[in-house]
N, C-alpha and C. Protein backbone atom coordinates (compact mmCIF):
# COMPACT_ATOMS: atom_id res chain seq x y z
N MET A 1 113.57 43.79 73.05
CA MET A 1 114.80 44.15 73.86
C MET A 1 115.32 42.94 74.59
N TYR A 2 116.70 43.06 74.65
CA TYR A 2 117.62 42.08 75.48
C TYR A 2 118.29 42.76 76.49
N TYR A 3 118.46 42.37 77.63
CA TYR A 3 119.29 42.94 78.69
C TYR A 3 120.33 42.14 79.43
N VAL A 4 121.29 42.75 79.66
CA VAL A 4 122.38 42.21 80.34
C VAL A 4 122.36 42.76 81.63
N TYR A 5 122.37 42.01 82.78
CA TYR A 5 122.23 42.63 84.01
C TYR A 5 123.21 42.26 85.07
N LEU A 6 123.36 42.91 86.14
CA LEU A 6 124.21 42.56 87.32
C LEU A 6 123.43 42.67 88.55
N LEU A 7 123.33 41.50 89.36
CA LEU A 7 122.73 41.41 90.48
C LEU A 7 123.74 41.28 91.63
N GLN A 8 123.39 41.86 92.81
CA GLN A 8 124.29 41.78 94.05
C GLN A 8 123.44 41.09 95.10
N GLU A 9 123.94 40.13 95.86
CA GLU A 9 123.39 39.58 96.95
C GLU A 9 123.31 40.62 98.09
N ASP A 10 122.25 40.86 98.82
CA ASP A 10 122.25 41.71 100.05
C ASP A 10 123.16 41.31 101.01
N LYS A 11 123.77 42.11 101.64
CA LYS A 11 124.81 41.89 102.82
C LYS A 11 125.98 40.88 102.51
N SER A 12 126.30 40.87 101.19
CA SER A 12 127.61 40.15 100.70
C SER A 12 128.08 40.80 99.56
N SER A 13 129.13 40.15 98.96
CA SER A 13 129.78 40.83 97.80
C SER A 13 129.56 39.79 96.55
N LYS A 14 128.69 38.85 96.73
CA LYS A 14 128.42 38.02 95.57
C LYS A 14 127.77 38.72 94.64
N HIS A 15 128.09 38.47 93.21
CA HIS A 15 127.48 39.00 92.15
C HIS A 15 127.10 37.93 91.14
N TYR A 16 126.09 38.34 90.35
CA TYR A 16 125.58 37.44 89.29
C TYR A 16 125.25 38.29 87.87
N ILE A 17 125.85 37.80 86.80
CA ILE A 17 125.80 38.44 85.57
C ILE A 17 124.98 37.59 84.83
N GLY A 18 124.05 38.20 83.95
CA GLY A 18 123.13 37.37 83.12
C GLY A 18 122.50 38.01 81.99
N TYR A 19 121.66 37.52 81.10
CA TYR A 19 121.02 38.32 79.90
C TYR A 19 119.62 37.61 80.02
N THR A 20 118.72 38.41 79.44
CA THR A 20 117.35 37.88 79.18
C THR A 20 116.54 38.86 78.28
N ASN A 21 115.52 38.41 77.94
CA ASN A 21 114.60 39.46 77.10
C ASN A 21 113.42 39.93 77.90
N ASP A 22 113.29 39.57 79.15
CA ASP A 22 112.31 39.88 80.14
C ASP A 22 112.89 40.17 81.50
N LEU A 23 113.50 41.36 81.76
CA LEU A 23 114.21 41.75 82.96
C LEU A 23 113.34 41.47 84.13
N ARG A 24 112.20 41.99 84.24
CA ARG A 24 111.35 41.83 85.36
C ARG A 24 111.04 40.33 85.75
N ARG A 25 110.67 39.52 84.73
CA ARG A 25 110.34 38.13 84.83
C ARG A 25 111.66 37.36 85.44
N ARG A 26 112.80 37.82 84.90
CA ARG A 26 113.91 37.00 85.30
C ARG A 26 114.42 37.41 86.63
N ILE A 27 114.23 38.63 87.17
CA ILE A 27 114.68 39.09 88.38
C ILE A 27 113.61 38.27 89.39
N ARG A 28 112.32 38.22 89.09
CA ARG A 28 111.37 37.34 89.94
C ARG A 28 111.96 35.78 90.06
N GLN A 29 112.40 35.38 88.91
CA GLN A 29 112.79 34.13 88.82
C GLN A 29 114.14 33.79 89.76
N HIS A 30 114.98 34.93 89.92
CA HIS A 30 116.11 34.79 90.73
C HIS A 30 115.66 34.90 92.31
N GLN A 31 114.59 35.42 92.48
CA GLN A 31 114.06 35.53 93.88
C GLN A 31 113.31 34.32 94.30
N SER A 32 113.05 33.39 93.44
CA SER A 32 112.30 32.29 93.73
C SER A 32 113.11 31.06 94.33
N PRO A 33 112.64 30.26 95.09
CA PRO A 33 113.44 29.31 95.77
C PRO A 33 113.99 28.06 94.90
N HIS A 34 113.51 28.16 93.74
CA HIS A 34 113.99 27.12 92.67
C HIS A 34 115.15 27.33 92.00
N GLN A 35 115.71 28.54 92.04
CA GLN A 35 117.07 28.75 91.39
C GLN A 35 118.15 28.23 92.23
N CYS A 36 119.08 27.79 91.47
CA CYS A 36 120.30 27.11 92.15
C CYS A 36 121.30 28.17 92.99
N TYR A 37 121.76 28.89 92.14
CA TYR A 37 122.87 29.93 92.72
C TYR A 37 122.31 31.13 93.27
N THR A 38 121.16 31.65 93.01
CA THR A 38 120.64 33.00 93.38
C THR A 38 119.45 32.78 94.42
N ASN A 39 119.37 31.41 94.93
CA ASN A 39 118.22 31.45 95.87
C ASN A 39 118.29 31.67 97.34
N SER A 40 119.56 31.69 97.72
CA SER A 40 120.04 31.66 99.09
C SER A 40 119.69 33.07 99.89
N GLU A 41 119.70 34.07 99.27
CA GLU A 41 119.47 35.43 99.91
C GLU A 41 118.68 36.36 98.84
N LYS A 42 118.28 37.54 99.33
CA LYS A 42 117.78 38.42 98.28
C LYS A 42 118.76 39.04 97.37
N TRP A 43 118.42 39.12 96.18
CA TRP A 43 119.43 39.66 95.16
C TRP A 43 118.84 40.85 94.62
N ARG A 44 119.58 41.96 94.43
CA ARG A 44 119.07 43.30 93.91
C ARG A 44 119.83 43.51 92.45
N LEU A 45 118.96 44.26 91.75
CA LEU A 45 119.46 44.59 90.51
C LEU A 45 120.23 45.91 90.74
N VAL A 46 121.58 45.83 90.42
CA VAL A 46 122.29 47.26 90.45
C VAL A 46 122.81 47.83 89.18
N TYR A 47 122.63 47.02 88.09
CA TYR A 47 122.96 47.50 86.85
C TYR A 47 122.41 46.70 85.65
N TYR A 48 122.07 47.47 84.51
CA TYR A 48 121.62 46.67 83.33
C TYR A 48 121.91 47.46 82.14
N GLU A 49 121.94 46.76 80.97
CA GLU A 49 122.28 47.47 79.71
C GLU A 49 121.19 46.83 78.74
N ALA A 50 120.69 47.59 77.77
CA ALA A 50 119.65 47.15 76.93
C ALA A 50 120.13 47.09 75.57
N PHE A 51 119.86 46.13 74.72
CA PHE A 51 120.28 45.81 73.49
C PHE A 51 119.04 45.37 72.43
N LEU A 52 119.11 45.71 71.30
CA LEU A 52 118.07 45.32 70.34
C LEU A 52 118.28 44.02 69.70
N SER A 53 119.64 43.57 69.92
CA SER A 53 120.10 42.35 69.30
C SER A 53 120.37 41.32 70.31
N LYS A 54 119.89 40.08 70.22
CA LYS A 54 120.13 39.01 71.13
C LYS A 54 121.53 38.67 71.03
N GLN A 55 122.20 38.68 69.80
CA GLN A 55 123.60 38.34 69.80
C GLN A 55 124.50 39.32 70.52
N ASP A 56 124.08 40.72 70.44
CA ASP A 56 124.82 41.57 70.98
C ASP A 56 124.74 41.46 72.55
N ALA A 57 123.57 41.25 73.07
CA ALA A 57 123.47 41.02 74.48
C ALA A 57 124.28 39.71 75.09
N GLN A 58 124.15 38.66 74.27
CA GLN A 58 125.04 37.45 74.62
C GLN A 58 126.52 37.73 74.57
N GLU A 59 127.03 38.51 73.58
CA GLU A 59 128.38 38.90 73.43
C GLU A 59 128.84 39.60 74.63
N ARG A 60 128.14 40.64 75.07
CA ARG A 60 128.42 41.49 76.08
C ARG A 60 128.37 40.69 77.51
N GLU A 61 127.41 39.75 77.51
CA GLU A 61 127.38 38.88 78.86
C GLU A 61 128.65 38.11 78.97
N ARG A 62 128.93 37.62 77.78
CA ARG A 62 130.23 36.68 77.73
C ARG A 62 131.51 37.46 78.15
N ARG A 63 131.63 38.77 77.56
CA ARG A 63 132.70 39.63 77.75
C ARG A 63 132.73 39.90 79.30
N LEU A 64 131.65 40.28 79.91
CA LEU A 64 131.62 40.65 81.36
C LEU A 64 132.00 39.36 82.22
N LYS A 65 131.67 38.23 81.76
CA LYS A 65 131.85 37.09 82.54
C LYS A 65 133.36 36.69 82.45
N GLN A 66 133.83 36.87 81.13
CA GLN A 66 135.21 36.33 81.01
C GLN A 66 136.31 37.33 81.03
N ASP A 67 136.03 38.58 80.73
CA ASP A 67 137.15 39.70 80.67
C ASP A 67 137.17 40.34 82.00
N GLY A 68 138.31 40.20 82.77
CA GLY A 68 138.39 40.83 84.03
C GLY A 68 138.27 42.36 83.89
N ARG A 69 138.82 42.93 82.81
CA ARG A 69 138.79 44.44 82.55
C ARG A 69 137.35 45.03 82.56
N SER A 70 136.62 44.26 81.67
CA SER A 70 135.31 44.63 81.59
C SER A 70 134.52 44.54 82.86
N ARG A 71 134.65 43.44 83.55
CA ARG A 71 133.98 43.33 84.75
C ARG A 71 134.37 44.28 85.86
N ARG A 72 135.67 44.57 85.85
CA ARG A 72 136.13 45.63 86.82
C ARG A 72 135.55 47.10 86.46
N PHE A 73 135.40 47.32 85.22
CA PHE A 73 134.85 48.76 84.79
C PHE A 73 133.39 48.68 85.44
N ILE A 74 132.53 47.73 85.15
CA ILE A 74 131.21 47.59 85.64
C ILE A 74 131.10 47.86 87.09
N MET A 75 132.09 47.05 87.76
CA MET A 75 132.01 47.02 89.25
C MET A 75 132.34 48.47 89.75
N LYS A 76 133.38 49.14 89.15
CA LYS A 76 133.67 50.58 89.39
C LYS A 76 132.63 51.45 89.18
N ARG A 77 131.96 51.24 88.10
CA ARG A 77 130.78 52.17 87.64
C ARG A 77 129.59 52.02 88.75
N THR A 78 129.42 50.96 89.29
CA THR A 78 128.25 50.65 90.18
C THR A 78 128.73 50.65 91.68
N GLU A 79 129.87 51.22 92.08
CA GLU A 79 130.25 51.20 93.42
C GLU A 79 129.17 51.73 94.33
N ARG A 80 128.68 52.86 94.13
CA ARG A 80 127.63 53.48 95.11
C ARG A 80 126.42 52.65 95.19
N SER A 81 125.97 52.19 93.99
CA SER A 81 124.87 51.18 94.01
C SER A 81 125.12 50.13 94.96
N GLN A 82 126.10 49.36 94.72
CA GLN A 82 126.51 48.11 95.60
C GLN A 82 126.69 48.56 96.98
N ALA A 83 127.21 49.71 97.28
CA ALA A 83 127.32 50.13 98.76
C ALA A 83 125.94 50.27 99.40
N LYS A 84 125.02 50.70 98.55
CA LYS A 84 123.53 50.87 99.13
C LYS A 84 123.05 49.51 99.40
N CYS A 85 123.28 48.48 98.75
CA CYS A 85 122.81 47.13 98.98
C CYS A 85 123.35 46.54 100.38
N GLN A 86 124.58 47.00 100.74
CA GLN A 86 125.17 46.52 101.75
C GLN A 86 124.80 47.12 103.19
N THR A 87 123.95 48.30 103.03
CA THR A 87 123.63 49.11 104.26
C THR A 87 122.22 48.69 104.91
């Protein structure tokens, strides 16, 4: 399985979109101090999608990062989850 995921930084509105074949391991890596963008604060998983194909996951990640409409759809879909991160 391959996963496209959305992380949100606690107490801010920063987001990170990525893809991986091992979601648990990748989230642990984001929590480690050796990551450049995601090491400053605690990041939470607020959304993910699963794919059987690596190419499908990569295409979905690319679309979410580049297409504002796709990104807005995911942000709207996860509003309540994001609000819980900020409380």
